[in-house]
Amino acid sequence: MWDLIQHFQIDKARNEAREAIRQADGQRSRVASTDEKVERLTLACQAMWELLRDHHGLTEDQLYAKIMEIDARDGKLDGKVGEEIIQCPHCGQRTSTGKLRCVYCGKGVKASHSFKS
């Protein structure tokens, strides 16, 4: 009887180890995919910046000032584009741009900028 219990526990541990390995492999794959996306976005941002600088005469100081302005819109200088509190165009209540719909009337709320969905 004791051997049967031990074999059951060993099989259970093996199955749990296999599942953990499978999950770890999935996470590694997602991290690699995210890294590739970040690299492509970085490349696109660099290209857009160089076009603006070269064709419109914008300066690095202007770029950094705009980055800081956008970062501060949510009241925190944290290197992230945060949610903004806006007045719902449908019901007039204050709602967050982090939601797709107003929490009061349920109607769609426009994102605060083009890169928010």
PDB file of N, CA and C in Angstrom:
ATOM      1  N   MET A   1       0.827  -1.190   0.000  1.00  0.00           N
ATOM      2  CA  MET A   1       0.000   0.000   0.000  1.00  0.00           C
ATOM      3  C   MET A   1       0.883   1.270   0.000  1.00  0.00           C
ATOM      4  N   TRP A   2       1.933   1.240   0.832  1.00  0.00           N
ATOM      5  CA  TRP A   2       2.826   2.393   0.917  1.00  0.00           C
ATOM      6  C   TRP A   2       3.479   2.675  -0.429  1.00  0.00           C
ATOM      7  N   ASP A   3       3.898   1.635  -1.143  1.00  0.00           N
ATOM      8  CA  ASP A   3       4.507   1.805  -2.463  1.00  0.00           C
ATOM      9  C   ASP A   3       3.531   2.437  -3.440  1.00  0.00           C
ATOM     10  N   LEU A   4       2.273   2.044  -3.374  1.00  0.00           N
ATOM     11  CA  LEU A   4       1.249   2.594  -4.254  1.00  0.00           C
ATOM     12  C   LEU A   4       1.079   4.091  -4.020  1.00  0.00           C
ATOM     13  N   ILE A   5       1.050   4.486  -2.774  1.00  0.00           N
ATOM     14  CA  ILE A   5       0.913   5.914  -2.427  1.00  0.00           C
ATOM     15  C   ILE A   5       2.131   6.688  -2.919  1.00  0.00           C
ATOM     16  N   GLN A   6       3.318   6.127  -2.724  1.00  0.00           N
ATOM     17  CA  GLN A   6       4.539   6.800  -3.171  1.00  0.00           C
ATOM     18  C   GLN A   6       4.567   6.943  -4.692  1.00  0.00           C
ATOM     19  N   HIS A   7       4.185   5.895  -5.397  1.00  0.00           N
ATOM     20  CA  HIS A   7       4.155   5.974  -6.855  1.00  0.00           C
ATOM     21  C   HIS A   7       3.153   7.021  -7.335  1.00  0.00           C
ATOM     22  N   PHE A   8       2.012   7.092  -6.673  1.00  0.00           N
ATOM     23  CA  PHE A   8       1.010   8.105  -7.015  1.00  0.00           C
ATOM     24  C   PHE A   8       1.576   9.508  -6.814  1.00  0.00           C
ATOM     25  N   GLN A   9       2.241   9.721  -5.685  1.00  0.00           N
ATOM     26  CA  GLN A   9       2.809  11.035  -5.396  1.00  0.00           C
ATOM     27  C   GLN A   9       3.939  11.389  -6.359  1.00  0.00           C
ATOM     28  N   ILE A  10       4.735  10.407  -6.736  1.00  0.00           N
ATOM     29  CA  ILE A  10       5.820  10.638  -7.695  1.00  0.00           C
ATOM     30  C   ILE A  10       5.238  11.010  -9.054  1.00  0.00           C
ATOM     31  N   ASP A  11       4.225  10.270  -9.499  1.00  0.00           N
ATOM     32  CA  ASP A  11       3.575  10.588 -10.779  1.00  0.00           C
ATOM     33  C   ASP A  11       2.962  11.978 -10.757  1.00  0.00           C
ATOM     34  N   LYS A  12       2.344  12.315  -9.648  1.00  0.00           N
ATOM     35  CA  LYS A  12       1.738  13.646  -9.508  1.00  0.00           C
ATOM     36  C   LYS A  12       2.828  14.726  -9.597  1.00  0.00           C
ATOM     37  N   ALA A  13       3.938  14.518  -8.919  1.00  0.00           N
ATOM     38  CA  ALA A  13       5.041  15.481  -8.942  1.00  0.00           C
ATOM     39  C   ALA A  13       5.621  15.606 -10.350  1.00  0.00           C
ATOM     40  N   ARG A  14       5.757  14.490 -11.063  1.00  0.00           N
ATOM     41  CA  ARG A  14       6.256  14.531 -12.438  1.00  0.00           C
ATOM     42  C   ARG A  14       5.319  15.330 -13.338  1.00  0.00           C
ATOM     43  N   ASN A  15       4.023  15.082 -13.195  1.00  0.00           N
ATOM     44  CA  ASN A  15       3.040  15.815 -14.008  1.00  0.00           C
ATOM     45  C   ASN A  15       3.080  17.306 -13.706  1.00  0.00           C
ATOM     46  N   GLU A  16       3.200  17.650 -12.434  1.00  0.00           N
ATOM     47  CA  GLU A  16       3.286  19.064 -12.059  1.00  0.00           C
ATOM     48  C   GLU A  16       4.563  19.693 -12.604  1.00  0.00           C
ATOM     49  N   ALA A  17       5.665  18.943 -12.595  1.00  0.00           N
ATOM     50  CA  ALA A  17       6.927  19.450 -13.145  1.00  0.00           C
ATOM     51  C   ALA A  17       6.810  19.668 -14.654  1.00  0.00           C
ATOM     52  N   ARG A  18       6.179  18.725 -15.355  1.00  0.00           N
ATOM     53  CA  ARG A  18       5.983  18.880 -16.800  1.00  0.00           C
ATOM     54  C   ARG A  18       5.131  20.114 -17.099  1.00  0.00           C
ATOM     55  N   GLU A  19       4.081  20.310 -16.316  1.00  0.00           N
ATOM     56  CA  GLU A  19       3.209  21.478 -16.517  1.00  0.00           C
ATOM     57  C   GLU A  19       3.975  22.768 -16.248  1.00  0.00           C
ATOM     58  N   ALA A  20       4.802  22.781 -15.220  1.00  0.00           N
ATOM     59  CA  ALA A  20       5.605  23.973 -14.913  1.00  0.00           C
ATOM     60  C   ALA A  20       6.578  24.275 -16.056  1.00  0.00           C
ATOM     61  N   ILE A  21       7.178  23.239 -16.619  1.00  0.00           N
ATOM     62  CA  ILE A  21       8.095  23.422 -17.755  1.00  0.00           C
ATOM     63  C   ILE A  21       7.336  23.972 -18.954  1.00  0.00           C
ATOM     64  N   ARG A  22       6.152  23.424 -19.204  1.00  0.00           N
ATOM     65  CA  ARG A  22       5.333  23.897 -20.333  1.00  0.00           C
ATOM     66  C   ARG A  22       4.979  25.373 -20.154  1.00  0.00           C
ATOM     67  N   GLN A  23       4.582  25.741 -18.943  1.00  0.00           N
ATOM     68  CA  GLN A  23       4.232  27.136 -18.680  1.00  0.00           C
ATOM     69  C   GLN A  23       5.454  28.048 -18.810  1.00  0.00           C
ATOM     70  N   ALA A  24       6.594  27.597 -18.325  1.00  0.00           N
ATOM     71  CA  ALA A  24       7.823  28.396 -18.434  1.00  0.00           C
ATOM     72  C   ALA A  24       8.204  28.597 -19.900  1.00  0.00           C
ATOM     73  N   ASP A  25       8.066  27.541 -20.701  1.00  0.00           N
ATOM     74  CA  ASP A  25       8.355  27.669 -22.132  1.00  0.00           C
ATOM     75  C   ASP A  25       7.424  28.675 -22.792  1.00  0.00           C
ATOM     76  N   GLY A  26       6.150  28.652 -22.415  1.00  0.00           N
ATOM     77  CA  GLY A  26       5.189  29.616 -22.956  1.00  0.00           C
ATOM     78  C   GLY A  26       5.544  31.043 -22.565  1.00  0.00           C
ATOM     79  N   GLN A  27       5.975  31.235 -21.337  1.00  0.00           N
ATOM     80  CA  GLN A  27       6.364  32.569 -20.880  1.00  0.00           C
ATOM     81  C   GLN A  27       7.611  33.046 -21.626  1.00  0.00           C
ATOM     82  N   ARG A  28       8.571  32.160 -21.833  1.00  0.00           N
ATOM     83  CA  ARG A  28       9.775  32.539 -22.587  1.00  0.00           C
ATOM     84  C   ARG A  28       9.403  32.969 -24.002  1.00  0.00           C
ATOM     85  N   SER A  29       8.478  32.251 -24.595  1.00  0.00           N
ATOM     86  CA  SER A  29       8.028  32.593 -25.949  1.00  0.00           C
ATOM     87  C   SER A  29       7.352  33.961 -25.963  1.00  0.00           C
ATOM     88  N   ARG A  30       6.517  34.241 -24.965  1.00  0.00           N
ATOM     89  CA  ARG A  30       5.846  35.549 -24.899  1.00  0.00           C
ATOM     90  C   ARG A  30       6.851  36.674 -24.659  1.00  0.00           C
ATOM     91  N   VAL A  31       7.838  36.430 -23.823  1.00  0.00           N
ATOM     92  CA  VAL A  31       8.862  37.449 -23.572  1.00  0.00           C
ATOM     93  C   VAL A  31       9.636  37.737 -24.852  1.00  0.00           C
ATOM     94  N   ALA A  32      10.000  36.701 -25.590  1.00  0.00           N
ATOM     95  CA  ALA A  32      10.729  36.895 -26.849  1.00  0.00           C
ATOM     96  C   ALA A  32       9.878  37.689 -27.836  1.00  0.00           C
ATOM     97  N   SER A  33       8.604  37.378 -27.916  1.00  0.00           N
ATOM     98  CA  SER A  33       7.702  38.103 -28.814  1.00  0.00           C
ATOM     99  C   SER A  33       7.588  39.570 -28.397  1.00  0.00           C
ATOM    100  N   THR A  34       7.482  39.815 -27.106  1.00  0.00           N
ATOM    101  CA  THR A  34       7.396  41.185 -26.600  1.00  0.00           C
ATOM    102  C   THR A  34       8.681  41.943 -26.885  1.00  0.00           C
ATOM    103  N   ASP A  35       9.816  41.297 -26.705  1.00  0.00           N
ATOM    104  CA  ASP A  35      11.101  41.933 -27.015  1.00  0.00           C
ATOM    105  C   ASP A  35      11.168  42.343 -28.483  1.00  0.00           C
ATOM    106  N   GLU A  36      10.698  41.470 -29.374  1.00  0.00           N
ATOM    107  CA  GLU A  36      10.704  41.794 -30.797  1.00  0.00           C
ATOM    108  C   GLU A  36       9.800  42.993 -31.082  1.00  0.00           C
ATOM    109  N   LYS A  37       8.640  43.045 -30.456  1.00  0.00           N
ATOM    110  CA  LYS A  37       7.730  44.173 -30.658  1.00  0.00           C
ATOM    111  C   LYS A  37       8.344  45.465 -30.159  1.00  0.00           C
ATOM    112  N   VAL A  38       8.980  45.419 -29.000  1.00  0.00           N
ATOM    113  CA  VAL A  38       9.623  46.616 -28.450  1.00  0.00           C
ATOM    114  C   VAL A  38      10.720  47.101 -29.393  1.00  0.00           C
ATOM    115  N   GLU A  39      11.506  46.185 -29.936  1.00  0.00           N
ATOM    116  CA  GLU A  39      12.563  46.571 -30.873  1.00  0.00           C
ATOM    117  C   GLU A  39      11.979  47.235 -32.120  1.00  0.00           C
ATOM    118  N   ARG A  40      10.879  46.676 -32.661  1.00  0.00           N
ATOM    119  CA  ARG A  40      10.259  47.273 -33.850  1.00  0.00           C
ATOM    120  C   ARG A  40       9.684  48.652 -33.518  1.00  0.00           C
ATOM    121  N   LEU A  41       9.072  48.793 -32.353  1.00  0.00           N
ATOM    122  CA  LEU A  41       8.533  50.097 -31.953  1.00  0.00           C
ATOM    123  C   LEU A  41       9.655  51.112 -31.747  1.00  0.00           C
ATOM    124  N   THR A  42      10.742  50.680 -31.153  1.00  0.00           N
ATOM    125  CA  THR A  42      11.888  51.564 -30.959  1.00  0.00           C
ATOM    126  C   THR A  42      12.425  52.037 -32.301  1.00  0.00           C
ATOM    127  N   LEU A  43      12.544  51.125 -33.238  1.00  0.00           N
ATOM    128  CA  LEU A  43      13.016  51.471 -34.577  1.00  0.00           C
ATOM    129  C   LEU A  43      12.066  52.461 -35.255  1.00  0.00           C
ATOM    130  N   ALA A  44      10.756  52.210 -35.147  1.00  0.00           N
ATOM    131  CA  ALA A  44       9.767  53.111 -35.757  1.00  0.00           C
ATOM    132  C   ALA A  44       9.819  54.493 -35.104  1.00  0.00           C
ATOM    133  N   CYS A  45       9.926  54.541 -33.782  1.00  0.00           N
ATOM    134  CA  CYS A  45      10.007  55.834 -33.088  1.00  0.00           C
ATOM    135  C   CYS A  45      11.262  56.600 -33.504  1.00  0.00           C
ATOM    136  N   GLN A  46      12.379  55.895 -33.606  1.00  0.00           N
ATOM    137  CA  GLN A  46      13.621  56.549 -34.019  1.00  0.00           C
ATOM    138  C   GLN A  46      13.488  57.105 -35.428  1.00  0.00           C
ATOM    139  N   ALA A  47      12.883  56.326 -36.328  1.00  0.00           N
ATOM    140  CA  ALA A  47      12.695  56.793 -37.706  1.00  0.00           C
ATOM    141  C   ALA A  47      11.791  58.018 -37.737  1.00  0.00           C
ATOM    142  N   MET A  48      10.689  57.989 -36.989  1.00  0.00           N
ATOM    143  CA  MET A  48       9.784  59.153 -36.967  1.00  0.00           C
ATOM    144  C   MET A  48      10.488  60.374 -36.405  1.00  0.00           C
ATOM    145  N   TRP A  49      11.268  60.188 -35.329  1.00  0.00           N
ATOM    146  CA  TRP A  49      11.974  61.318 -34.748  1.00  0.00           C
ATOM    147  C   TRP A  49      12.960  61.912 -35.746  1.00  0.00           C
ATOM    148  N   GLU A  50      13.716  61.050 -36.420  1.00  0.00           N
ATOM    149  CA  GLU A  50      14.704  61.570 -37.365  1.00  0.00           C
ATOM    150  C   GLU A  50      14.039  62.286 -38.534  1.00  0.00           C
ATOM    151  N   LEU A  51      12.900  61.818 -38.985  1.00  0.00           N
ATOM    152  CA  LEU A  51      12.161  62.532 -40.038  1.00  0.00           C
ATOM    153  C   LEU A  51      11.713  63.909 -39.552  1.00  0.00           C
ATOM    154  N   LEU A  52      11.179  63.972 -38.345  1.00  0.00           N
ATOM    155  CA  LEU A  52      10.744  65.262 -37.795  1.00  0.00           C
ATOM    156  C   LEU A  52      11.924  66.208 -37.594  1.00  0.00           C
ATOM    157  N   ARG A  53      13.012  65.681 -37.078  1.00  0.00           N
ATOM    158  CA  ARG A  53      14.199  66.509 -36.847  1.00  0.00           C
ATOM    159  C   ARG A  53      14.776  67.007 -38.164  1.00  0.00           C
ATOM    160  N   ASP A  54      14.928  66.089 -39.118  1.00  0.00           N
ATOM    161  CA  ASP A  54      15.596  66.434 -40.374  1.00  0.00           C
ATOM    162  C   ASP A  54      14.733  67.280 -41.307  1.00  0.00           C
ATOM    163  N   HIS A  55      13.437  67.078 -41.308  1.00  0.00           N
ATOM    164  CA  HIS A  55      12.570  67.778 -42.261  1.00  0.00           C
ATOM    165  C   HIS A  55      11.801  68.951 -41.666  1.00  0.00           C
ATOM    166  N   HIS A  56      11.745  69.027 -40.348  1.00  0.00           N
ATOM    167  CA  HIS A  56      10.973  70.112 -39.733  1.00  0.00           C
ATOM    168  C   HIS A  56      11.773  70.912 -38.713  1.00  0.00           C
ATOM    169  N   GLY A  57      13.031  70.556 -38.519  1.00  0.00           N
ATOM    170  CA  GLY A  57      13.914  71.349 -37.680  1.00  0.00           C
ATOM    171  C   GLY A  57      13.648  71.274 -36.188  1.00  0.00           C
ATOM    172  N   LEU A  58      12.954  70.262 -35.749  1.00  0.00           N
ATOM    173  CA  LEU A  58      12.720  70.129 -34.308  1.00  0.00           C
ATOM    174  C   LEU A  58      14.015  69.740 -33.607  1.00  0.00           C
ATOM    175  N   THR A  59      14.106  70.080 -32.323  1.00  0.00           N
ATOM    176  CA  THR A  59      15.328  69.819 -31.570  1.00  0.00           C
ATOM    177  C   THR A  59      15.100  68.724 -30.530  1.00  0.00           C
ATOM    178  N   GLU A  60      16.224  68.186 -30.045  1.00  0.00           N
ATOM    179  CA  GLU A  60      16.161  67.182 -28.975  1.00  0.00           C
ATOM    180  C   GLU A  60      15.477  67.770 -27.737  1.00  0.00           C
ATOM    181  N   ASP A  61      15.762  69.037 -27.435  1.00  0.00           N
ATOM    182  CA  ASP A  61      15.132  69.678 -26.273  1.00  0.00           C
ATOM    183  C   ASP A  61      13.617  69.730 -26.432  1.00  0.00           C
ATOM    184  N   GLN A  62      13.140  70.020 -27.635  1.00  0.00           N
ATOM    185  CA  GLN A  62      11.694  70.037 -27.878  1.00  0.00           C
ATOM    186  C   GLN A  62      11.104  68.641 -27.706  1.00  0.00           C
ATOM    187  N   LEU A  63      11.816  67.632 -28.183  1.00  0.00           N
ATOM    188  CA  LEU A  63      11.356  66.254 -28.021  1.00  0.00           C
ATOM    189  C   LEU A  63      11.255  65.891 -26.546  1.00  0.00           C
ATOM    190  N   TYR A  64      12.303  66.155 -25.793  1.00  0.00           N
ATOM    191  CA  TYR A  64      12.297  65.820 -24.368  1.00  0.00           C
ATOM    192  C   TYR A  64      11.222  66.594 -23.621  1.00  0.00           C
ATOM    193  N   ALA A  65      11.021  67.858 -23.962  1.00  0.00           N
ATOM    194  CA  ALA A  65       9.973  68.654 -23.314  1.00  0.00           C
ATOM    195  C   ALA A  65       8.594  68.051 -23.576  1.00  0.00           C
ATOM    196  N   LYS A  66       8.349  67.593 -24.801  1.00  0.00           N
ATOM    197  CA  LYS A  66       7.059  66.982 -25.140  1.00  0.00           C
ATOM    198  C   LYS A  66       6.889  65.659 -24.402  1.00  0.00           C
ATOM    199  N   ILE A  67       7.963  64.872 -24.306  1.00  0.00           N
ATOM    200  CA  ILE A  67       7.900  63.613 -23.557  1.00  0.00           C
ATOM    201  C   ILE A  67       7.509  63.891 -22.109  1.00  0.00           C
ATOM    202  N   MET A  68       8.139  64.866 -21.502  1.00  0.00           N
ATOM    203  CA  MET A  68       7.832  65.217 -20.109  1.00  0.00           C
ATOM    204  C   MET A  68       6.395  65.719 -19.963  1.00  0.00           C
ATOM    205  N   GLU A  69       5.935  66.521 -20.918  1.00  0.00           N
ATOM    206  CA  GLU A  69       4.561  67.032 -20.885  1.00  0.00           C
ATOM    207  C   GLU A  69       3.553  65.873 -20.926  1.00  0.00           C
ATOM    208  N   ILE A  70       3.779  64.956 -21.837  1.00  0.00           N
ATOM    209  CA  ILE A  70       2.860  63.819 -21.970  1.00  0.00           C
ATOM    210  C   ILE A  70       2.903  62.943 -20.721  1.00  0.00           C
ATOM    211  N   ASP A  71       4.104  62.711 -20.202  1.00  0.00           N
ATOM    212  CA  ASP A  71       4.255  61.896 -18.999  1.00  0.00           C
ATOM    213  C   ASP A  71       3.520  62.512 -17.813  1.00  0.00           C
ATOM    214  N   ALA A  72       3.535  63.834 -17.708  1.00  0.00           N
ATOM    215  CA  ALA A  72       2.942  64.518 -16.557  1.00  0.00           C
ATOM    216  C   ALA A  72       1.427  64.679 -16.644  1.00  0.00           C
ATOM    217  N   ARG A  73       0.811  64.349 -17.752  1.00  0.00           N
ATOM    218  CA  ARG A  73      -0.631  64.567 -17.914  1.00  0.00           C
ATOM    219  C   ARG A  73      -1.482  63.852 -16.877  1.00  0.00           C
ATOM    220  N   ASP A  74      -1.006  62.733 -16.385  1.00  0.00           N
ATOM    221  CA  ASP A  74      -1.780  62.006 -15.375  1.00  0.00           C
ATOM    222  C   ASP A  74      -1.379  62.404 -13.955  1.00  0.00           C
ATOM    223  N   GLY A  75      -0.522  63.419 -13.856  1.00  0.00           N
ATOM    224  CA  GLY A  75      -0.116  63.913 -12.544  1.00  0.00           C
ATOM    225  C   GLY A  75       1.106  63.220 -11.973  1.00  0.00           C
ATOM    226  N   LYS A  76       1.699  62.272 -12.716  1.00  0.00           N
ATOM    227  CA  LYS A  76       2.867  61.537 -12.227  1.00  0.00           C
ATOM    228  C   LYS A  76       3.942  61.501 -13.299  1.00  0.00           C
ATOM    229  N   LEU A  77       5.161  61.862 -12.913  1.00  0.00           N
ATOM    230  CA  LEU A  77       6.314  61.704 -13.812  1.00  0.00           C
ATOM    231  C   LEU A  77       6.891  60.316 -13.551  1.00  0.00           C
ATOM    232  N   ASP A  78       6.369  59.329 -14.282  1.00  0.00           N
ATOM    233  CA  ASP A  78       6.767  57.947 -14.037  1.00  0.00           C
ATOM    234  C   ASP A  78       7.193  57.207 -15.296  1.00  0.00           C
ATOM    235  N   GLY A  79       7.337  57.922 -16.398  1.00  0.00           N
ATOM    236  CA  GLY A  79       7.751  57.281 -17.634  1.00  0.00           C
ATOM    237  C   GLY A  79       6.663  56.473 -18.314  1.00  0.00           C
ATOM    238  N   LYS A  80       5.408  56.733 -17.938  1.00  0.00           N
ATOM    239  CA  LYS A  80       4.286  55.983 -18.513  1.00  0.00           C
ATOM    240  C   LYS A  80       3.200  56.949 -18.957  1.00  0.00           C
ATOM    241  N   VAL A  81       2.470  56.544 -19.994  1.00  0.00           N
ATOM    242  CA  VAL A  81       1.301  57.303 -20.408  1.00  0.00           C
ATOM    243  C   VAL A  81       0.145  56.796 -19.546  1.00  0.00           C
ATOM    244  N   GLY A  82      -0.319  57.624 -18.659  1.00  0.00           N
ATOM    245  CA  GLY A  82      -1.374  57.190 -17.745  1.00  0.00           C
ATOM    246  C   GLY A  82      -2.754  57.574 -18.219  1.00  0.00           C
ATOM    247  N   GLU A  83      -3.715  57.150 -17.446  1.00  0.00           N
ATOM    248  CA  GLU A  83      -5.103  57.489 -17.734  1.00  0.00           C
ATOM    249  C   GLU A  83      -5.355  58.950 -17.354  1.00  0.00           C
ATOM    250  N   GLU A  84      -6.267  59.549 -18.070  1.00  0.00           N
ATOM    251  CA  GLU A  84      -6.670  60.912 -17.751  1.00  0.00           C
ATOM    252  C   GLU A  84      -8.125  60.892 -17.321  1.00  0.00           C
ATOM    253  N   ILE A  85      -8.481  61.813 -16.452  1.00  0.00           N
ATOM    254  CA  ILE A  85      -9.875  61.980 -16.065  1.00  0.00           C
ATOM    255  C   ILE A  85     -10.462  63.056 -16.970  1.00  0.00           C
ATOM    256  N   ILE A  86     -11.535  62.698 -17.655  1.00  0.00           N
ATOM    257  CA  ILE A  86     -12.178  63.623 -18.586  1.00  0.00           C
ATOM    258  C   ILE A  86     -13.659  63.728 -18.256  1.00  0.00           C
ATOM    259  N   GLN A  87     -14.290  64.680 -18.871  1.00  0.00           N
ATOM    260  CA  GLN A  87     -15.735  64.815 -18.749  1.00  0.00           C
ATOM    261  C   GLN A  87     -16.359  64.027 -19.891  1.00  0.00           C
ATOM    262  N   CYS A  88     -17.261  63.092 -19.555  1.00  0.00           N
ATOM    263  CA  CYS A  88     -17.903  62.275 -20.581  1.00  0.00           C
ATOM    264  C   CYS A  88     -18.683  63.190 -21.524  1.00  0.00           C
ATOM    265  N   PRO A  89     -18.474  63.051 -22.839  1.00  0.00           N
ATOM    266  CA  PRO A  89     -19.178  63.903 -23.790  1.00  0.00           C
ATOM    267  C   PRO A  89     -20.678  63.604 -23.873  1.00  0.00           C
ATOM    268  N   HIS A  90     -21.102  62.484 -23.303  1.00  0.00           N
ATOM    269  CA  HIS A  90     -22.508  62.080 -23.383  1.00  0.00           C
ATOM    270  C   HIS A  90     -23.313  62.487 -22.150  1.00  0.00           C
ATOM    271  N   CYS A  91     -22.750  62.217 -20.953  1.00  0.00           N
ATOM    272  CA  CYS A  91     -23.522  62.488 -19.729  1.00  0.00           C
ATOM    273  C   CYS A  91     -22.925  63.586 -18.862  1.00  0.00           C
ATOM    274  N   GLY A  92     -21.681  64.000 -19.179  1.00  0.00           N
ATOM    275  CA  GLY A  92     -21.065  65.089 -18.431  1.00  0.00           C
ATOM    276  C   GLY A  92     -20.365  64.672 -17.152  1.00  0.00           C
ATOM    277  N   GLN A  93     -20.439  63.406 -16.780  1.00  0.00           N
ATOM    278  CA  GLN A  93     -19.775  62.936 -15.563  1.00  0.00           C
ATOM    279  C   GLN A  93     -18.271  62.795 -15.803  1.00  0.00           C
ATOM    280  N   ARG A  94     -17.518  62.862 -14.719  1.00  0.00           N
ATOM    281  CA  ARG A  94     -16.070  62.664 -14.827  1.00  0.00           C
ATOM    282  C   ARG A  94     -15.794  61.164 -14.916  1.00  0.00           C
ATOM    283  N   THR A  95     -15.015  60.788 -15.938  1.00  0.00           N
ATOM    284  CA  THR A  95     -14.697  59.376 -16.147  1.00  0.00           C
ATOM    285  C   THR A  95     -13.261  59.254 -16.621  1.00  0.00           C
ATOM    286  N   SER A  96     -12.748  58.050 -16.639  1.00  0.00           N
ATOM    287  CA  SER A  96     -11.354  57.805 -16.974  1.00  0.00           C
ATOM    288  C   SER A  96     -11.195  57.412 -18.434  1.00  0.00           C
ATOM    289  N   THR A  97     -10.110  57.885 -19.043  1.00  0.00           N
ATOM    290  CA  THR A  97      -9.808  57.475 -20.410  1.00  0.00           C
ATOM    291  C   THR A  97      -9.273  56.049 -20.443  1.00  0.00           C
ATOM    292  N   GLY A  98      -9.034  55.464 -19.289  1.00  0.00           N
ATOM    293  CA  GLY A  98      -8.567  54.082 -19.221  1.00  0.00           C
ATOM    294  C   GLY A  98      -9.662  53.076 -19.494  1.00  0.00           C
ATOM    295  N   LYS A  99     -10.879  53.514 -19.518  1.00  0.00           N
ATOM    296  CA  LYS A  99     -12.020  52.647 -19.805  1.00  0.00           C
ATOM    297  C   LYS A  99     -12.514  52.919 -21.217  1.00  0.00           C
ATOM    298  N   LEU A 100     -13.044  51.903 -21.859  1.00  0.00           N
ATOM    299  CA  LEU A 100     -13.580  52.093 -23.205  1.00  0.00           C
ATOM    300  C   LEU A 100     -14.953  52.744 -23.159  1.00  0.00           C
ATOM    301  N   ARG A 101     -15.618  52.628 -22.000  1.00  0.00           N
ATOM    302  CA  ARG A 101     -16.962  53.175 -21.844  1.00  0.00           C
ATOM    303  C   ARG A 101     -17.043  53.974 -20.550  1.00  0.00           C
ATOM    304  N   CYS A 102     -17.900  54.969 -20.557  1.00  0.00           N
ATOM    305  CA  CYS A 102     -18.133  55.779 -19.356  1.00  0.00           C
ATOM    306  C   CYS A 102     -18.726  54.870 -18.275  1.00  0.00           C
ATOM    307  N   VAL A 103     -18.208  55.002 -17.053  1.00  0.00           N
ATOM    308  CA  VAL A 103     -18.705  54.161 -15.967  1.00  0.00           C
ATOM    309  C   VAL A 103     -20.101  54.588 -15.510  1.00  0.00           C
ATOM    310  N   TYR A 104     -20.563  55.762 -15.925  1.00  0.00           N
ATOM    311  CA  TYR A 104     -21.881  56.248 -15.521  1.00  0.00           C
ATOM    312  C   TYR A 104     -22.961  55.944 -16.558  1.00  0.00           C
ATOM    313  N   CYS A 105     -22.715  56.295 -17.817  1.00  0.00           N
ATOM    314  CA  CYS A 105     -23.761  56.123 -18.833  1.00  0.00           C
ATOM    315  C   CYS A 105     -23.520  54.932 -19.752  1.00  0.00           C
ATOM    316  N   GLY A 106     -22.300  54.381 -19.744  1.00  0.00           N
ATOM    317  CA  GLY A 106     -21.997  53.211 -20.554  1.00  0.00           C
ATOM    318  C   GLY A 106     -21.667  53.496 -22.012  1.00  0.00           C
ATOM    319  N   LYS A 107     -21.706  54.743 -22.403  1.00  0.00           N
ATOM    320  CA  LYS A 107     -21.395  55.077 -23.798  1.00  0.00           C
ATOM    321  C   LYS A 107     -19.886  55.159 -23.996  1.00  0.00           C
ATOM    322  N   GLY A 108     -19.462  54.974 -25.252  1.00  0.00           N
ATOM    323  CA  GLY A 108     -18.046  54.961 -25.576  1.00  0.00           C
ATOM    324  C   GLY A 108     -17.352  56.268 -25.252  1.00  0.00           C
ATOM    325  N   VAL A 109     -16.137  56.155 -24.735  1.00  0.00           N
ATOM    326  CA  VAL A 109     -15.304  57.315 -24.424  1.00  0.00           C
ATOM    327  C   VAL A 109     -14.088  57.244 -25.329  1.00  0.00           C
ATOM    328  N   LYS A 110     -13.788  58.337 -25.976  1.00  0.00           N
ATOM    329  CA  LYS A 110     -12.640  58.382 -26.891  1.00  0.00           C
ATOM    330  C   LYS A 110     -11.334  58.288 -26.090  1.00  0.00           C
ATOM    331  N   ALA A 111     -10.409  57.535 -26.631  1.00  0.00           N
ATOM    332  CA  ALA A 111      -9.079  57.416 -25.998  1.00  0.00           C
ATOM    333  C   ALA A 111      -8.425  58.798 -25.955  1.00  0.00           C
ATOM    334  N   SER A 112      -7.527  58.976 -24.999  1.00  0.00           N
ATOM    335  CA  SER A 112      -6.883  60.275 -24.819  1.00  0.00           C
ATOM    336  C   SER A 112      -5.873  60.601 -25.911  1.00  0.00           C
ATOM    337  N   HIS A 113      -5.431  59.594 -26.654  1.00  0.00           N
ATOM    338  CA  HIS A 113      -4.504  59.833 -27.759  1.00  0.00           C
ATOM    339  C   HIS A 113      -4.563  58.668 -28.732  1.00  0.00           C
ATOM    340  N   SER A 114      -3.903  58.811 -29.844  1.00  0.00           N
ATOM    341  CA  SER A 114      -3.981  57.842 -30.942  1.00  0.00           C
ATOM    342  C   SER A 114      -3.438  56.462 -30.596  1.00  0.00           C
ATOM    343  N   PHE A 115      -2.529  56.364 -29.637  1.00  0.00           N
ATOM    344  CA  PHE A 115      -1.903  55.079 -29.344  1.00  0.00           C
ATOM    345  C   PHE A 115      -2.597  54.314 -28.224  1.00  0.00           C
ATOM    346  N   LYS A 116      -3.667  54.851 -27.697  1.00  0.00           N
ATOM    347  CA  LYS A 116      -4.478  54.148 -26.686  1.00  0.00           C
ATOM    348  C   LYS A 116      -5.638  53.503 -27.399  1.00  0.00           C
ATOM    349  N   SER A 117      -5.986  52.299 -26.979  1.00  0.00           N
ATOM    350  CA  SER A 117      -7.137  51.650 -27.612  1.00  0.00           C
ATOM    351  C   SER A 117      -8.296  51.579 -26.639  1.00  0.00           C
TER     352      SER A 117
END
